[in-house]
């Protein structure tokens, strides 16, 4: 493993001061912070760093955020949307760290393409070239890395994903039975023939106005229930697909805080 010394707009390490952060992050970061005022930032200072996790023939780039606590912390893997790793996902890592978790945010494009390109459209096109096997391998790399950290409680690892990442969070539970908790944020469901492999408690977070995804839920919930699996699905009024990210339908309502309260309560019950 090697450390990435660059401090790009994605490297949101702490919330000491908005002005100082904007200076460190440059024009792109300053623009993001102007649109997300200090009232939205976590008060707890966390430590964040970029790492390259070396493998035999490639490596995975990831942002890792650490909480300030004296005891060992559980960890959470954060899976980004279809556009690749953007400025937003590291802020989720910092949010989780501020609530007591070591968070790792892997760039799912990095093992094949170096890192996510600045253009969302370019990122989406590259994401379409990923394979389920490759995605699972990268998530396993992230899992093994945080599970090996001296500051992490061994085997107390969860996962959360958003949109595309929500679908991958769900799918990853069918491939890694060691996961202790999974949160699926408005992501599509995995192949129903794989649901019997799930050993992980799952919380689903869904926008009320997202029939494309929600229409699948009754059948999946029924199948999981028949197999004795724990699956809770919450729907948030007045919200649409992707509502936890700024700029999406419902992102300016109190449903965001309500959803995050539910997510953090779920992780606390399953991981702490």
Protein backbone atom coordinates (compact mmCIF):
# COMPACT_ATOMS: atom_id res chain seq x y z
CA UNK A 1 0.00 0.00 0.00
CA UNK A 2 1.26 3.50 -0.81
CA UNK A 3 -0.13 6.88 0.20
CA UNK A 4 -1.39 9.33 -2.42
CA UNK A 5 0.17 12.71 -1.68
CA UNK A 6 -2.13 14.71 -3.97
CA UNK A 7 -4.81 16.87 -2.39
CA UNK A 8 -7.46 17.13 -5.09
CA UNK A 9 -11.03 18.29 -4.66
CA UNK A 10 -11.87 14.72 -3.68
CA UNK A 11 -9.53 14.75 -0.68
CA UNK A 12 -11.84 16.24 1.95
CA UNK A 13 -9.86 15.36 5.04
CA UNK A 14 -11.48 17.46 7.76
CA UNK A 15 -13.89 20.30 8.39
CA UNK A 16 -11.67 22.70 10.29
CA UNK A 17 -12.66 25.75 8.25
CA UNK A 18 -14.53 26.20 5.00
CA UNK A 19 -12.16 28.91 3.79
CA UNK A 20 -9.07 26.84 4.48
CA UNK A 21 -10.59 23.81 2.78
CA UNK A 22 -11.55 25.81 -0.28
CA UNK A 23 -7.98 27.03 -0.57
CA UNK A 24 -6.61 23.51 -0.35
CA UNK A 25 -9.08 22.02 -2.77
CA UNK A 26 -8.82 24.64 -5.48
CA UNK A 27 -11.54 26.07 -7.72
CA UNK A 28 -13.61 22.89 -8.02
CA UNK A 29 -13.58 22.31 -4.29
CA UNK A 30 -14.37 25.97 -3.57
CA UNK A 31 -17.38 25.80 -5.89
CA UNK A 32 -18.63 22.67 -4.14
CA UNK A 33 -18.23 24.23 -0.69
CA UNK A 34 -20.00 27.42 -1.74
CA UNK A 35 -23.02 25.34 -2.73
CA UNK A 36 -22.83 23.35 0.54
CA UNK A 37 -22.52 25.88 3.38
CA UNK A 38 -20.88 25.19 6.72
CA UNK A 39 -24.17 24.30 8.35
CA UNK A 40 -24.12 21.06 6.37
CA UNK A 41 -20.64 20.05 7.54
CA UNK A 42 -19.93 17.77 10.45
CA UNK A 43 -18.56 19.50 13.55
CA UNK A 44 -16.32 16.58 14.54
CA UNK A 45 -12.83 16.74 13.09
CA UNK A 46 -11.78 13.57 11.29
CA UNK A 47 -8.60 12.51 9.57
CA UNK A 48 -8.80 11.53 5.91
CA UNK A 49 -6.19 10.25 3.48
CA UNK A 50 -5.91 8.81 0.02
CA UNK A 51 -4.27 5.41 -0.35
CA UNK A 52 -3.35 3.04 -3.15
CA UNK A 53 -3.96 -0.55 -2.06
CA UNK A 54 -1.46 -2.68 -3.96
CA UNK A 55 -2.37 -6.05 -5.42
CA UNK A 56 -0.42 -8.49 -7.57
CA UNK A 57 -0.92 -6.78 -10.92
CA UNK A 58 -2.89 -3.62 -10.13
CA UNK A 59 -4.06 -1.44 -7.24
CA UNK A 60 -7.20 0.21 -5.90
CA UNK A 61 -7.31 3.89 -4.97
CA UNK A 62 -9.47 4.80 -2.01
CA UNK A 63 -10.25 7.60 0.40
CA UNK A 64 -10.06 6.49 4.05
CA UNK A 65 -11.57 8.59 6.85
CA UNK A 66 -10.79 7.93 10.50
CA UNK A 67 -12.83 8.95 13.56
CA UNK A 68 -11.49 10.52 16.71
CA UNK A 69 -12.00 7.81 19.34
CA UNK A 70 -9.79 6.03 21.82
CA UNK A 71 -11.05 2.50 21.14
CA UNK A 72 -11.20 0.39 18.01
CA UNK A 73 -13.86 1.38 15.48
CA UNK A 74 -16.08 -0.63 13.17
CA UNK A 75 -15.70 0.18 9.48
CA UNK A 76 -17.96 0.94 6.53
CA UNK A 77 -17.26 0.59 2.80
CA UNK A 78 -18.86 3.39 0.75
CA UNK A 79 -19.75 2.58 -2.89
CA UNK A 80 -20.23 5.50 -5.29
CA UNK A 81 -22.76 6.13 -8.05
CA UNK A 82 -22.62 5.27 -11.76
CA UNK A 83 -20.53 8.38 -12.52
CA UNK A 84 -17.51 7.06 -10.64
CA UNK A 85 -15.94 8.63 -7.57
CA UNK A 86 -16.89 12.32 -7.31
CA UNK A 87 -16.34 15.10 -4.77
CA UNK A 88 -19.42 14.00 -2.84
CA UNK A 89 -18.56 10.48 -1.71
CA UNK A 90 -15.54 11.46 0.44
CA UNK A 91 -17.88 13.77 2.37
CA UNK A 92 -19.95 10.67 3.14
CA UNK A 93 -16.79 9.00 4.40
CA UNK A 94 -16.14 11.99 6.65
CA UNK A 95 -19.74 11.93 7.87
CA UNK A 96 -19.42 8.30 8.86
CA UNK A 97 -16.05 8.97 10.52
CA UNK A 98 -17.60 11.81 12.51
CA UNK A 99 -20.08 9.25 13.79
CA UNK A 100 -17.40 6.82 14.94
CA UNK A 101 -16.61 4.65 11.90
CA UNK A 102 -13.52 4.13 9.79
CA UNK A 103 -14.87 4.67 6.28
CA UNK A 104 -13.23 3.54 3.06
CA UNK A 105 -14.41 4.94 -0.28
CA UNK A 106 -12.86 2.97 -3.16
CA UNK A 107 -12.69 4.39 -6.66
CA UNK A 108 -14.20 1.46 -8.53
CA UNK A 109 -12.54 2.58 -11.77
CA UNK A 110 -9.02 2.78 -10.37
CA UNK A 111 -7.89 -0.82 -10.76
CA UNK A 112 -8.56 -0.68 -14.51
CA UNK A 113 -8.37 2.99 -15.45
CA UNK A 114 -6.18 4.68 -12.84
CA UNK A 115 -8.93 6.88 -11.36
CA UNK A 116 -12.30 8.39 -12.21
CA UNK A 117 -12.09 11.08 -14.93
CA UNK A 118 -13.47 14.58 -14.19
CA UNK A 119 -16.32 14.24 -16.69
CA UNK A 120 -19.39 12.42 -15.28
CA UNK A 121 -20.27 11.21 -18.78
CA UNK A 122 -16.79 9.78 -19.26
CA UNK A 123 -17.00 8.14 -15.85
CA UNK A 124 -20.32 6.53 -16.70
CA UNK A 125 -18.97 5.12 -19.96
CA UNK A 126 -15.99 3.58 -18.17
CA UNK A 127 -18.22 2.18 -15.44
CA UNK A 128 -20.17 0.28 -18.11
CA UNK A 129 -16.98 -1.71 -18.83
CA UNK A 130 -16.70 -3.10 -15.29
CA UNK A 131 -17.59 -6.74 -14.64
CA UNK A 132 -19.33 -8.19 -11.58
CA UNK A 133 -16.24 -10.28 -10.86
CA UNK A 134 -13.96 -7.25 -11.02
CA UNK A 135 -16.27 -5.18 -8.84
CA UNK A 136 -16.39 -7.92 -6.22
CA UNK A 137 -12.59 -8.22 -6.30
CA UNK A 138 -12.18 -4.48 -5.70
CA UNK A 139 -14.72 -4.50 -2.86
CA UNK A 140 -12.93 -7.47 -1.32
CA UNK A 141 -9.71 -5.48 -1.52
CA UNK A 142 -11.35 -2.59 0.34
CA UNK A 143 -12.81 -5.01 2.90
CA UNK A 144 -9.49 -6.74 3.53
CA UNK A 145 -7.65 -3.42 3.79
CA UNK A 146 -9.88 -1.87 6.48
CA UNK A 147 -10.18 -5.18 8.30
CA UNK A 148 -6.39 -5.25 8.58
CA UNK A 149 -6.08 -1.75 10.08
CA UNK A 150 -4.97 -1.62 13.69
CA UNK A 151 -7.65 0.96 14.49
CA UNK A 152 -10.53 -1.21 13.23
CA UNK A 153 -12.49 -3.81 15.19
CA UNK A 154 -11.79 -6.98 13.26
CA UNK A 155 -14.70 -8.37 11.25
CA UNK A 156 -17.07 -5.50 12.20
CA UNK A 157 -17.43 -4.25 8.63
CA UNK A 158 -20.51 -2.88 6.88
CA UNK A 159 -21.24 -1.42 3.46
CA UNK A 160 -23.37 1.41 2.06
CA UNK A 161 -23.95 2.29 -1.60
CA UNK A 162 -25.84 4.92 -3.57
CA UNK A 163 -27.76 4.40 -6.84
CA UNK A 164 -25.44 2.10 -8.84
CA UNK A 165 -23.47 1.67 -5.65
CA UNK A 166 -26.67 0.76 -3.83
CA UNK A 167 -27.19 -2.08 -6.25
CA UNK A 168 -23.60 -3.16 -5.73
CA UNK A 169 -24.01 -2.96 -1.95
CA UNK A 170 -26.97 -5.34 -2.27
CA UNK A 171 -25.11 -7.62 -4.66
CA UNK A 172 -22.00 -7.65 -2.47
CA UNK A 173 -23.98 -9.23 0.36
CA UNK A 174 -24.48 -12.24 -1.91
CA UNK A 175 -20.70 -12.55 -2.31
CA UNK A 176 -19.33 -11.67 1.12
CA UNK A 177 -21.16 -13.41 3.99
CA UNK A 178 -18.75 -11.78 6.48
CA UNK A 179 -20.44 -8.38 6.12
CA UNK A 180 -22.24 -7.41 9.33
CA UNK A 181 -24.55 -4.75 7.86
CA UNK A 182 -25.51 -3.39 4.46
CA UNK A 183 -27.39 -0.22 3.47
CA UNK A 184 -28.87 -0.05 -0.02
CA UNK A 185 -29.71 3.52 -1.04
CA UNK A 186 -32.18 3.35 -3.94
CA UNK A 187 -30.17 0.69 -5.74
CA UNK A 188 -31.50 -2.11 -7.96
CA UNK A 189 -31.85 -5.57 -6.52
CA UNK A 190 -29.48 -8.46 -7.26
CA UNK A 191 -30.33 -11.61 -9.18
CA UNK A 192 -33.09 -13.28 -7.16
CA UNK A 193 -31.40 -16.66 -7.55
CA UNK A 194 -28.54 -15.38 -5.35
CA UNK A 195 -30.66 -14.08 -2.47
CA UNK A 196 -30.36 -17.34 -0.54
CA UNK A 197 -26.63 -16.66 -0.07
CA UNK A 198 -27.22 -13.50 1.94
CA UNK A 199 -26.19 -13.64 5.60
CA UNK A 200 -26.18 -9.87 6.21
CA UNK A 201 -28.91 -7.66 7.72
CA UNK A 202 -29.95 -5.16 5.05
CA UNK A 203 -31.56 -1.72 5.32
CA UNK A 204 -33.10 -0.25 2.17
CA UNK A 205 -33.48 3.52 1.73
CA UNK A 206 -35.79 4.51 -1.12
CA UNK A 207 -37.29 7.65 -2.58
CA UNK A 208 -41.09 7.65 -2.69
CA UNK A 209 -41.13 8.78 -6.33
CA UNK A 210 -38.81 6.13 -7.73
CA UNK A 211 -41.06 3.45 -9.19
CA UNK A 212 -38.31 2.17 -11.48
CA UNK A 213 -36.51 0.80 -8.43
CA UNK A 214 -39.37 0.45 -5.95
CA UNK A 215 -41.52 -1.73 -8.18
CA UNK A 216 -39.08 -4.60 -7.58
CA UNK A 217 -39.18 -4.39 -3.80
CA UNK A 218 -42.31 -6.43 -2.91
CA UNK A 219 -41.05 -9.54 -4.70
CA UNK A 220 -37.54 -9.22 -3.28
CA UNK A 221 -38.84 -8.61 0.25
CA UNK A 222 -41.06 -11.67 -0.04
CA UNK A 223 -38.21 -13.89 -1.24
CA UNK A 224 -35.86 -12.65 1.48
CA UNK A 225 -38.54 -13.23 4.11
CA UNK A 226 -39.17 -16.75 2.88
CA UNK A 227 -35.43 -17.42 3.24
CA UNK A 228 -35.32 -15.98 6.76
CA UNK A 229 -33.21 -12.97 5.74
CA UNK A 230 -33.41 -9.59 7.48
CA UNK A 231 -34.48 -6.85 5.09
CA UNK A 232 -36.07 -3.56 6.10
CA UNK A 233 -37.13 -1.11 3.40
CA UNK A 234 -37.95 2.53 4.19
CA UNK A 235 -39.60 4.96 1.77
CA UNK A 236 -39.19 8.72 2.23
CA UNK A 237 -42.12 11.00 1.22
CA UNK A 238 -41.58 13.66 -1.42
CA UNK A 239 -38.22 12.30 -2.53
CA UNK A 240 -36.94 10.80 -5.74
CA UNK A 241 -34.03 8.68 -6.90
CA UNK A 242 -30.72 9.79 -5.41
CA UNK A 243 -32.28 12.16 -2.87
CA UNK A 244 -29.41 11.89 -0.37
CA UNK A 245 -27.14 13.77 -2.80
CA UNK A 246 -27.50 17.56 -3.16
CA UNK A 247 -29.44 18.65 -6.22
CA UNK A 248 -31.72 15.63 -6.43
CA UNK A 249 -35.48 15.66 -5.80
CA UNK A 250 -36.10 15.86 -2.06
CA UNK A 251 -32.47 16.64 -1.18
CA UNK A 252 -33.55 20.00 0.27
CA UNK A 253 -36.11 18.49 2.67
CA UNK A 254 -35.95 17.11 6.19
CA UNK A 255 -36.17 13.60 4.75
CA UNK A 256 -32.39 13.59 4.22
CA UNK A 257 -31.73 14.01 7.95
CA UNK A 258 -34.46 11.48 8.70
CA UNK A 259 -32.87 8.93 6.40
CA UNK A 260 -29.40 9.51 7.81
CA UNK A 261 -30.74 9.11 11.33
CA UNK A 262 -32.15 5.74 10.32
CA UNK A 263 -28.91 4.70 8.60
CA UNK A 264 -26.74 5.61 11.57
CA UNK A 265 -29.09 3.87 14.01
CA UNK A 266 -28.95 0.74 11.86
CA UNK A 267 -25.16 0.76 11.71
CA UNK A 268 -24.94 1.37 15.45
CA UNK A 269 -27.19 -1.60 16.18
CA UNK A 270 -25.35 -3.95 13.83
CA UNK A 271 -21.71 -2.82 13.98
CA UNK A 272 -20.94 -1.17 17.31
